[in-house]
């Protein structure tokens, strides 16, 4: 499915998807501990040096381990701050005719809808003590004749962006895939490929008559093959997963 860049502009900006702004939660959960913990070690080490000087008039090195701990704790603190700054500069612009996006240190790039031949989405949930702290969406696009493009999972409303992309590329891709299927060709979906006779996932061939069930549960595609057991594949590894499931349900095993 080779696609050429259409001779038209992206159109006006419909919406921008970027990382969340620095919030009070970021300050209290990340920034403040990242500053206070190294400072506490540094202060305690200085206090131990002061005690040595006050008691015996020379430094016995008791504070060195605390100075080392402060230095070690400073590294992840700096990494977290740089990570937040890096993500804050990543933004994706939605247009009627495609996308415009920018990664750190790179110029703005454009992708028109006909250039995108696949999308994979991964839902990420971060938990602490049984509570969900945040939910994020990681999007990977597969442009024609280009390397895959991964958007940062910190984008606000990343799920909405994924839905917009699917709404714009699936109606074009589906007729193309059905035409290839009717012509007896293989349809490729990352680690899975299929035709009217069989499904192949990670090298295992499954004739359609042997496939007992196929479902997505907890972000995993589960294929039950009767006595041969099950095959499990993380759904975010499969581009155009919804299209694949639709074609199987409507065209092959109705």
C-alpha atoms as a PDB file:
ATOM      1  CA  UNK A   1       0.000   0.000   0.000  1.00  0.00           C
ATOM      2  CA  UNK A   2       2.303   2.733  -1.220  1.00  0.00           C
ATOM      3  CA  UNK A   3       0.970   6.235  -0.856  1.00  0.00           C
ATOM      4  CA  UNK A   4       2.176   9.512  -2.285  1.00  0.00           C
ATOM      5  CA  UNK A   5       1.954  12.811  -0.572  1.00  0.00           C
ATOM      6  CA  UNK A   6      -1.098  14.630  -1.912  1.00  0.00           C
ATOM      7  CA  UNK A   7      -0.633  18.032  -3.529  1.00  0.00           C
ATOM      8  CA  UNK A   8      -2.520  20.026  -0.928  1.00  0.00           C
ATOM      9  CA  UNK A   9      -1.996  21.604   2.447  1.00  0.00           C
ATOM     10  CA  UNK A  10      -2.863  20.142   5.816  1.00  0.00           C
ATOM     11  CA  UNK A  11      -5.507  22.806   6.366  1.00  0.00           C
ATOM     12  CA  UNK A  12      -6.185  24.776   9.500  1.00  0.00           C
ATOM     13  CA  UNK A  13      -5.216  23.482  12.933  1.00  0.00           C
ATOM     14  CA  UNK A  14      -8.168  21.708  14.534  1.00  0.00           C
ATOM     15  CA  UNK A  15      -6.565  20.848  17.857  1.00  0.00           C
ATOM     16  CA  UNK A  16      -3.179  20.600  19.553  1.00  0.00           C
ATOM     17  CA  UNK A  17      -2.261  17.633  21.747  1.00  0.00           C
ATOM     18  CA  UNK A  18       0.613  18.279  24.119  1.00  0.00           C
ATOM     19  CA  UNK A  19       1.998  17.122  27.447  1.00  0.00           C
ATOM     20  CA  UNK A  20       0.265  18.403  30.580  1.00  0.00           C
ATOM     21  CA  UNK A  21       1.529  21.610  32.149  1.00  0.00           C
ATOM     22  CA  UNK A  22       3.519  21.525  35.366  1.00  0.00           C
ATOM     23  CA  UNK A  23       0.911  20.905  38.067  1.00  0.00           C
ATOM     24  CA  UNK A  24       0.706  20.994  41.864  1.00  0.00           C
ATOM     25  CA  UNK A  25       0.823  17.189  41.863  1.00  0.00           C
ATOM     26  CA  UNK A  26       4.064  17.263  39.861  1.00  0.00           C
ATOM     27  CA  UNK A  27       5.483  19.731  42.382  1.00  0.00           C
ATOM     28  CA  UNK A  28       4.591  17.741  45.501  1.00  0.00           C
ATOM     29  CA  UNK A  29       5.159  14.222  44.133  1.00  0.00           C
ATOM     30  CA  UNK A  30       8.257  14.750  41.984  1.00  0.00           C
ATOM     31  CA  UNK A  31       9.931  18.139  42.199  1.00  0.00           C
ATOM     32  CA  UNK A  32       9.770  18.738  45.979  1.00  0.00           C
ATOM     33  CA  UNK A  33      11.003  15.257  47.026  1.00  0.00           C
ATOM     34  CA  UNK A  34      13.648  15.416  44.298  1.00  0.00           C
ATOM     35  CA  UNK A  35      15.022  18.591  45.865  1.00  0.00           C
ATOM     36  CA  UNK A  36      14.454  17.930  49.570  1.00  0.00           C
ATOM     37  CA  UNK A  37      15.949  14.419  49.744  1.00  0.00           C
ATOM     38  CA  UNK A  38      19.396  15.383  48.347  1.00  0.00           C
ATOM     39  CA  UNK A  39      19.388  18.551  50.453  1.00  0.00           C
ATOM     40  CA  UNK A  40      18.591  16.508  53.574  1.00  0.00           C
ATOM     41  CA  UNK A  41      21.516  14.164  52.930  1.00  0.00           C
ATOM     42  CA  UNK A  42      23.751  17.139  52.209  1.00  0.00           C
ATOM     43  CA  UNK A  43      22.700  18.897  55.424  1.00  0.00           C
ATOM     44  CA  UNK A  44      23.202  15.760  57.550  1.00  0.00           C
ATOM     45  CA  UNK A  45      26.644  15.211  56.041  1.00  0.00           C
ATOM     46  CA  UNK A  46      27.554  18.817  56.817  1.00  0.00           C
ATOM     47  CA  UNK A  47      26.325  18.335  60.362  1.00  0.00           C
ATOM     48  CA  UNK A  48      28.538  15.253  60.812  1.00  0.00           C
ATOM     49  CA  UNK A  49      31.540  17.216  59.561  1.00  0.00           C
ATOM     50  CA  UNK A  50      30.690  20.014  61.996  1.00  0.00           C
ATOM     51  CA  UNK A  51      30.534  17.550  64.911  1.00  0.00           C
ATOM     52  CA  UNK A  52      33.931  16.101  64.027  1.00  0.00           C
ATOM     53  CA  UNK A  53      35.492  19.543  63.813  1.00  0.00           C
ATOM     54  CA  UNK A  54      33.857  20.650  67.060  1.00  0.00           C
ATOM     55  CA  UNK A  55      34.913  17.547  69.029  1.00  0.00           C
ATOM     56  CA  UNK A  56      38.386  16.680  67.807  1.00  0.00           C
ATOM     57  CA  UNK A  57      39.291  19.559  65.512  1.00  0.00           C
ATOM     58  CA  UNK A  58      39.535  17.601  62.273  1.00  0.00           C
ATOM     59  CA  UNK A  59      37.261  15.909  59.743  1.00  0.00           C
ATOM     60  CA  UNK A  60      37.140  12.124  60.085  1.00  0.00           C
ATOM     61  CA  UNK A  61      35.180  11.692  56.874  1.00  0.00           C
ATOM     62  CA  UNK A  62      31.945  10.701  58.570  1.00  0.00           C
ATOM     63  CA  UNK A  63      29.977  13.011  56.284  1.00  0.00           C
ATOM     64  CA  UNK A  64      31.344  11.606  53.025  1.00  0.00           C
ATOM     65  CA  UNK A  65      28.773   8.821  52.773  1.00  0.00           C
ATOM     66  CA  UNK A  66      25.973  11.386  53.125  1.00  0.00           C
ATOM     67  CA  UNK A  67      27.534  13.629  50.489  1.00  0.00           C
ATOM     68  CA  UNK A  68      27.710  10.591  48.184  1.00  0.00           C
ATOM     69  CA  UNK A  69      24.052   9.761  48.869  1.00  0.00           C
ATOM     70  CA  UNK A  70      23.106  13.358  48.066  1.00  0.00           C
ATOM     71  CA  UNK A  71      24.981  13.171  44.764  1.00  0.00           C
ATOM     72  CA  UNK A  72      23.344   9.847  43.860  1.00  0.00           C
ATOM     73  CA  UNK A  73      19.856  11.208  44.628  1.00  0.00           C
ATOM     74  CA  UNK A  74      20.515  14.311  42.577  1.00  0.00           C
ATOM     75  CA  UNK A  75      20.886  12.268  39.374  1.00  0.00           C
ATOM     76  CA  UNK A  76      17.270  10.957  39.203  1.00  0.00           C
ATOM     77  CA  UNK A  77      15.988  14.373  40.337  1.00  0.00           C
ATOM     78  CA  UNK A  78      17.734  16.064  37.407  1.00  0.00           C
ATOM     79  CA  UNK A  79      16.550  13.282  35.055  1.00  0.00           C
ATOM     80  CA  UNK A  80      12.909  13.755  36.113  1.00  0.00           C
ATOM     81  CA  UNK A  81      13.076  17.518  35.578  1.00  0.00           C
ATOM     82  CA  UNK A  82      14.729  17.166  32.160  1.00  0.00           C
ATOM     83  CA  UNK A  83      12.167  14.495  31.220  1.00  0.00           C
ATOM     84  CA  UNK A  84       9.312  16.832  32.082  1.00  0.00           C
ATOM     85  CA  UNK A  85      10.873  19.688  30.075  1.00  0.00           C
ATOM     86  CA  UNK A  86      11.433  17.360  27.113  1.00  0.00           C
ATOM     87  CA  UNK A  87       7.844  16.095  27.120  1.00  0.00           C
ATOM     88  CA  UNK A  88       6.456  19.608  27.501  1.00  0.00           C
ATOM     89  CA  UNK A  89       8.051  20.522  24.161  1.00  0.00           C
ATOM     90  CA  UNK A  90       6.464  17.629  22.276  1.00  0.00           C
ATOM     91  CA  UNK A  91       3.203  18.496  20.571  1.00  0.00           C
ATOM     92  CA  UNK A  92       0.965  16.988  17.876  1.00  0.00           C
ATOM     93  CA  UNK A  93      -1.309  19.204  15.763  1.00  0.00           C
ATOM     94  CA  UNK A  94      -4.448  17.711  14.236  1.00  0.00           C
ATOM     95  CA  UNK A  95      -5.489  19.039  10.801  1.00  0.00           C
ATOM     96  CA  UNK A  96      -8.284  18.119   8.391  1.00  0.00           C
ATOM     97  CA  UNK A  97      -5.777  16.509   6.017  1.00  0.00           C
ATOM     98  CA  UNK A  98      -3.224  15.043   8.398  1.00  0.00           C
ATOM     99  CA  UNK A  99      -0.924  15.658  11.327  1.00  0.00           C
ATOM    100  CA  UNK A 100       1.918  17.977  12.218  1.00  0.00           C
ATOM    101  CA  UNK A 101       4.216  17.056  15.084  1.00  0.00           C
ATOM    102  CA  UNK A 102       7.492  18.001  16.672  1.00  0.00           C
ATOM    103  CA  UNK A 103       9.988  16.014  18.708  1.00  0.00           C
ATOM    104  CA  UNK A 104      12.740  17.565  20.797  1.00  0.00           C
ATOM    105  CA  UNK A 105      15.639  18.731  18.676  1.00  0.00           C
ATOM    106  CA  UNK A 106      13.792  18.193  15.393  1.00  0.00           C
ATOM    107  CA  UNK A 107      11.845  20.347  12.974  1.00  0.00           C
ATOM    108  CA  UNK A 108       8.107  20.095  12.579  1.00  0.00           C
ATOM    109  CA  UNK A 109       7.165  17.054  10.518  1.00  0.00           C
ATOM    110  CA  UNK A 110       4.018  16.487   8.460  1.00  0.00           C
ATOM    111  CA  UNK A 111       2.043  13.368   7.703  1.00  0.00           C
ATOM    112  CA  UNK A 112      -0.943  13.402   5.359  1.00  0.00           C
ATOM    113  CA  UNK A 113      -3.674  10.837   5.945  1.00  0.00           C
ATOM    114  CA  UNK A 114      -2.924   8.883   2.724  1.00  0.00           C
ATOM    115  CA  UNK A 115       0.675   8.485   3.916  1.00  0.00           C
ATOM    116  CA  UNK A 116      -0.364   6.619   7.081  1.00  0.00           C
ATOM    117  CA  UNK A 117      -0.866   2.896   6.539  1.00  0.00           C
ATOM    118  CA  UNK A 118      -1.213   1.767  10.136  1.00  0.00           C
ATOM    119  CA  UNK A 119      -1.704   2.705  13.772  1.00  0.00           C
ATOM    120  CA  UNK A 120      -1.098   0.798  17.003  1.00  0.00           C
ATOM    121  CA  UNK A 121      -2.299   2.040  20.381  1.00  0.00           C
ATOM    122  CA  UNK A 122      -1.256   1.076  23.887  1.00  0.00           C
ATOM    123  CA  UNK A 123      -3.184   2.124  26.987  1.00  0.00           C
ATOM    124  CA  UNK A 124      -0.915   2.694  29.987  1.00  0.00           C
ATOM    125  CA  UNK A 125      -2.125   2.848  33.586  1.00  0.00           C
ATOM    126  CA  UNK A 126       0.081   3.827  36.498  1.00  0.00           C
ATOM    127  CA  UNK A 127      -0.913   2.518  39.956  1.00  0.00           C
ATOM    128  CA  UNK A 128       0.153   3.227  43.506  1.00  0.00           C
ATOM    129  CA  UNK A 129      -1.220   1.298  46.500  1.00  0.00           C
ATOM    130  CA  UNK A 130      -4.094  -0.022  44.428  1.00  0.00           C
ATOM    131  CA  UNK A 131      -5.097   3.404  43.107  1.00  0.00           C
ATOM    132  CA  UNK A 132      -4.788   4.508  39.495  1.00  0.00           C
ATOM    133  CA  UNK A 133      -2.606   7.605  39.408  1.00  0.00           C
ATOM    134  CA  UNK A 134      -2.895   8.300  35.694  1.00  0.00           C
ATOM    135  CA  UNK A 135      -3.960   6.807  32.383  1.00  0.00           C
ATOM    136  CA  UNK A 136      -2.020   7.501  29.229  1.00  0.00           C
ATOM    137  CA  UNK A 137      -2.086   6.461  25.595  1.00  0.00           C
ATOM    138  CA  UNK A 138       0.973   5.634  23.512  1.00  0.00           C
ATOM    139  CA  UNK A 139       0.450   5.910  19.754  1.00  0.00           C
ATOM    140  CA  UNK A 140       2.647   4.391  17.060  1.00  0.00           C
ATOM    141  CA  UNK A 141       2.063   5.322  13.419  1.00  0.00           C
ATOM    142  CA  UNK A 142       3.293   3.387  10.393  1.00  0.00           C
ATOM    143  CA  UNK A 143       3.789   5.723   7.429  1.00  0.00           C
ATOM    144  CA  UNK A 144       4.309   4.356   3.936  1.00  0.00           C
ATOM    145  CA  UNK A 145       8.007   4.105   2.991  1.00  0.00           C
ATOM    146  CA  UNK A 146       9.084   5.610   6.341  1.00  0.00           C
ATOM    147  CA  UNK A 147      10.142   4.412   9.754  1.00  0.00           C
ATOM    148  CA  UNK A 148       7.444   4.147  12.393  1.00  0.00           C
ATOM    149  CA  UNK A 149       6.637   7.257  14.423  1.00  0.00           C
ATOM    150  CA  UNK A 150       5.912   7.002  18.149  1.00  0.00           C
ATOM    151  CA  UNK A 151       4.155   9.809  19.972  1.00  0.00           C
ATOM    152  CA  UNK A 152       4.941  10.339  23.679  1.00  0.00           C
ATOM    153  CA  UNK A 153       2.538   8.692  26.106  1.00  0.00           C
ATOM    154  CA  UNK A 154       2.238  11.916  28.103  1.00  0.00           C
ATOM    155  CA  UNK A 155      -0.039  13.640  25.594  1.00  0.00           C
ATOM    156  CA  UNK A 156      -3.224  15.007  27.146  1.00  0.00           C
ATOM    157  CA  UNK A 157      -6.268  13.279  25.572  1.00  0.00           C
ATOM    158  CA  UNK A 158      -4.054  10.861  23.655  1.00  0.00           C
ATOM    159  CA  UNK A 159      -7.015   8.510  23.305  1.00  0.00           C
ATOM    160  CA  UNK A 160      -8.965  11.212  21.509  1.00  0.00           C
ATOM    161  CA  UNK A 161      -6.059  11.754  19.118  1.00  0.00           C
ATOM    162  CA  UNK A 162      -5.934   8.016  18.386  1.00  0.00           C
ATOM    163  CA  UNK A 163      -9.667   7.999  17.588  1.00  0.00           C
ATOM    164  CA  UNK A 164      -9.264  10.936  15.184  1.00  0.00           C
ATOM    165  CA  UNK A 165      -6.446   9.140  13.374  1.00  0.00           C
ATOM    166  CA  UNK A 166      -8.437   5.912  13.051  1.00  0.00           C
ATOM    167  CA  UNK A 167     -11.503   7.801  11.825  1.00  0.00           C
ATOM    168  CA  UNK A 168      -9.410   9.319   9.052  1.00  0.00           C
ATOM    169  CA  UNK A 169      -7.395   6.304   7.888  1.00  0.00           C
ATOM    170  CA  UNK A 170      -9.607   3.235   8.474  1.00  0.00           C
ATOM    171  CA  UNK A 171     -12.308   4.166   5.901  1.00  0.00           C
ATOM    172  CA  UNK A 172      -9.547   4.367   3.267  1.00  0.00           C
ATOM    173  CA  UNK A 173      -7.626   1.268   4.341  1.00  0.00           C
ATOM    174  CA  UNK A 174     -10.586  -1.097   4.685  1.00  0.00           C
ATOM    175  CA  UNK A 175     -11.612  -1.191   0.974  1.00  0.00           C
ATOM    176  CA  UNK A 176      -7.962  -1.650  -0.012  1.00  0.00           C
ATOM    177  CA  UNK A 177      -7.572  -4.585   2.354  1.00  0.00           C
ATOM    178  CA  UNK A 178     -10.825  -6.203   1.206  1.00  0.00           C
ATOM    179  CA  UNK A 179      -9.757  -5.892  -2.422  1.00  0.00           C
ATOM    180  CA  UNK A 180      -6.462  -7.627  -1.676  1.00  0.00           C
ATOM    181  CA  UNK A 181      -8.241 -10.325   0.313  1.00  0.00           C
ATOM    182  CA  UNK A 182     -10.634 -11.073  -2.570  1.00  0.00           C
ATOM    183  CA  UNK A 183      -7.634 -11.275  -4.916  1.00  0.00           C
ATOM    184  CA  UNK A 184      -6.158 -14.044  -2.754  1.00  0.00           C
ATOM    185  CA  UNK A 185      -3.359 -11.918  -1.327  1.00  0.00           C
ATOM    186  CA  UNK A 186      -2.021 -11.905   2.203  1.00  0.00           C
ATOM    187  CA  UNK A 187      -2.966  -9.089   4.572  1.00  0.00           C
ATOM    188  CA  UNK A 188      -0.220  -8.059   6.983  1.00  0.00           C
ATOM    189  CA  UNK A 189      -0.884  -6.842  10.525  1.00  0.00           C
ATOM    190  CA  UNK A 190       2.524  -6.764  12.158  1.00  0.00           C
ATOM    191  CA  UNK A 191       3.151 -10.167  13.799  1.00  0.00           C
ATOM    192  CA  UNK A 192      -0.061 -11.521  12.204  1.00  0.00           C
ATOM    193  CA  UNK A 193      -0.996 -12.085   8.576  1.00  0.00           C
ATOM    194  CA  UNK A 194      -4.025 -13.698   7.047  1.00  0.00           C
ATOM    195  CA  UNK A 195      -5.778 -14.783   3.874  1.00  0.00           C
ATOM    196  CA  UNK A 196      -8.999 -16.666   3.222  1.00  0.00           C
ATOM    197  CA  UNK A 197      -7.403 -19.998   4.140  1.00  0.00           C
ATOM    198  CA  UNK A 198      -5.425 -19.358   7.299  1.00  0.00           C
ATOM    199  CA  UNK A 199      -4.124 -17.011   9.960  1.00  0.00           C
ATOM    200  CA  UNK A 200      -0.417 -16.857  10.747  1.00  0.00           C
ATOM    201  CA  UNK A 201       0.698 -15.355  14.076  1.00  0.00           C
ATOM    202  CA  UNK A 202       4.341 -15.338  15.067  1.00  0.00           C
ATOM    203  CA  UNK A 203       5.126 -18.105  12.638  1.00  0.00           C
ATOM    204  CA  UNK A 204       2.299 -20.441  13.719  1.00  0.00           C
ATOM    205  CA  UNK A 205      -0.167 -21.295  10.963  1.00  0.00           C
ATOM    206  CA  UNK A 206      -3.792 -21.632  12.011  1.00  0.00           C
ATOM    207  CA  UNK A 207      -6.352 -22.812   9.449  1.00  0.00           C
ATOM    208  CA  UNK A 208      -9.606 -20.971  10.081  1.00  0.00           C
ATOM    209  CA  UNK A 209     -11.388 -24.222  10.896  1.00  0.00           C
ATOM    210  CA  UNK A 210      -9.048 -24.801  13.841  1.00  0.00           C
ATOM    211  CA  UNK A 211      -9.510 -21.352  15.398  1.00  0.00           C
ATOM    212  CA  UNK A 212     -11.936 -21.773  18.300  1.00  0.00           C
ATOM    213  CA  UNK A 213     -12.053 -18.167  19.495  1.00  0.00           C
ATOM    214  CA  UNK A 214     -10.336 -14.832  19.075  1.00  0.00           C
ATOM    215  CA  UNK A 215     -10.717 -11.967  21.529  1.00  0.00           C
ATOM    216  CA  UNK A 216      -8.936  -9.003  23.072  1.00  0.00           C
ATOM    217  CA  UNK A 217      -8.711  -8.989  26.873  1.00  0.00           C
ATOM    218  CA  UNK A 218      -6.634  -6.685  29.105  1.00  0.00           C
ATOM    219  CA  UNK A 219      -4.636  -5.354  26.149  1.00  0.00           C
ATOM    220  CA  UNK A 220      -3.824  -8.827  24.815  1.00  0.00           C
ATOM    221  CA  UNK A 221      -5.056 -10.622  21.694  1.00  0.00           C
ATOM    222  CA  UNK A 222      -5.880 -14.203  22.708  1.00  0.00           C
ATOM    223  CA  UNK A 223      -6.285 -16.891  20.059  1.00  0.00           C
ATOM    224  CA  UNK A 224      -7.634 -20.255  21.231  1.00  0.00           C
ATOM    225  CA  UNK A 225      -6.710 -23.171  19.002  1.00  0.00           C
ATOM    226  CA  UNK A 226      -8.383 -26.035  20.819  1.00  0.00           C
ATOM    227  CA  UNK A 227      -5.946 -28.791  21.810  1.00  0.00           C
ATOM    228  CA  UNK A 228      -3.027 -26.750  20.461  1.00  0.00           C
ATOM    229  CA  UNK A 229      -3.457 -24.247  23.276  1.00  0.00           C
ATOM    230  CA  UNK A 230      -3.528 -20.479  23.036  1.00  0.00           C
ATOM    231  CA  UNK A 231      -1.488 -17.734  21.442  1.00  0.00           C
ATOM    232  CA  UNK A 232      -1.212 -14.410  23.247  1.00  0.00           C
ATOM    233  CA  UNK A 233       0.055 -11.237  21.589  1.00  0.00           C
ATOM    234  CA  UNK A 234       0.119  -7.766  23.125  1.00  0.00           C
ATOM    235  CA  UNK A 235      -2.478  -5.815  21.153  1.00  0.00           C
ATOM    236  CA  UNK A 236      -0.238  -2.740  20.805  1.00  0.00           C
ATOM    237  CA  UNK A 237       2.120  -4.811  18.644  1.00  0.00           C
ATOM    238  CA  UNK A 238      -0.592  -5.246  15.999  1.00  0.00           C
ATOM    239  CA  UNK A 239      -1.166  -2.310  13.625  1.00  0.00           C
ATOM    240  CA  UNK A 240      -4.804  -1.721  12.630  1.00  0.00           C
ATOM    241  CA  UNK A 241      -6.033  -4.295  15.124  1.00  0.00           C
ATOM    242  CA  UNK A 242      -9.678  -3.215  14.835  1.00  0.00           C
ATOM    243  CA  UNK A 243      -9.585  -3.596  11.055  1.00  0.00           C
ATOM    244  CA  UNK A 244      -8.113  -7.061  11.357  1.00  0.00           C
ATOM    245  CA  UNK A 245     -10.825  -8.162  13.782  1.00  0.00           C
ATOM    246  CA  UNK A 246     -13.562  -6.668  11.577  1.00  0.00           C
ATOM    247  CA  UNK A 247     -12.312  -8.425   8.470  1.00  0.00           C
ATOM    248  CA  UNK A 248     -12.068 -11.754  10.283  1.00  0.00           C
ATOM    249  CA  UNK A 249     -15.557 -11.413  11.770  1.00  0.00           C
ATOM    250  CA  UNK A 250     -17.331 -10.108   8.660  1.00  0.00           C
ATOM    251  CA  UNK A 251     -15.447 -11.602   5.712  1.00  0.00           C
ATOM    252  CA  UNK A 252     -13.910 -14.864   6.907  1.00  0.00           C
ATOM    253  CA  UNK A 253     -15.812 -16.259   9.904  1.00  0.00           C
ATOM    254  CA  UNK A 254     -19.233 -14.543   9.764  1.00  0.00           C
END
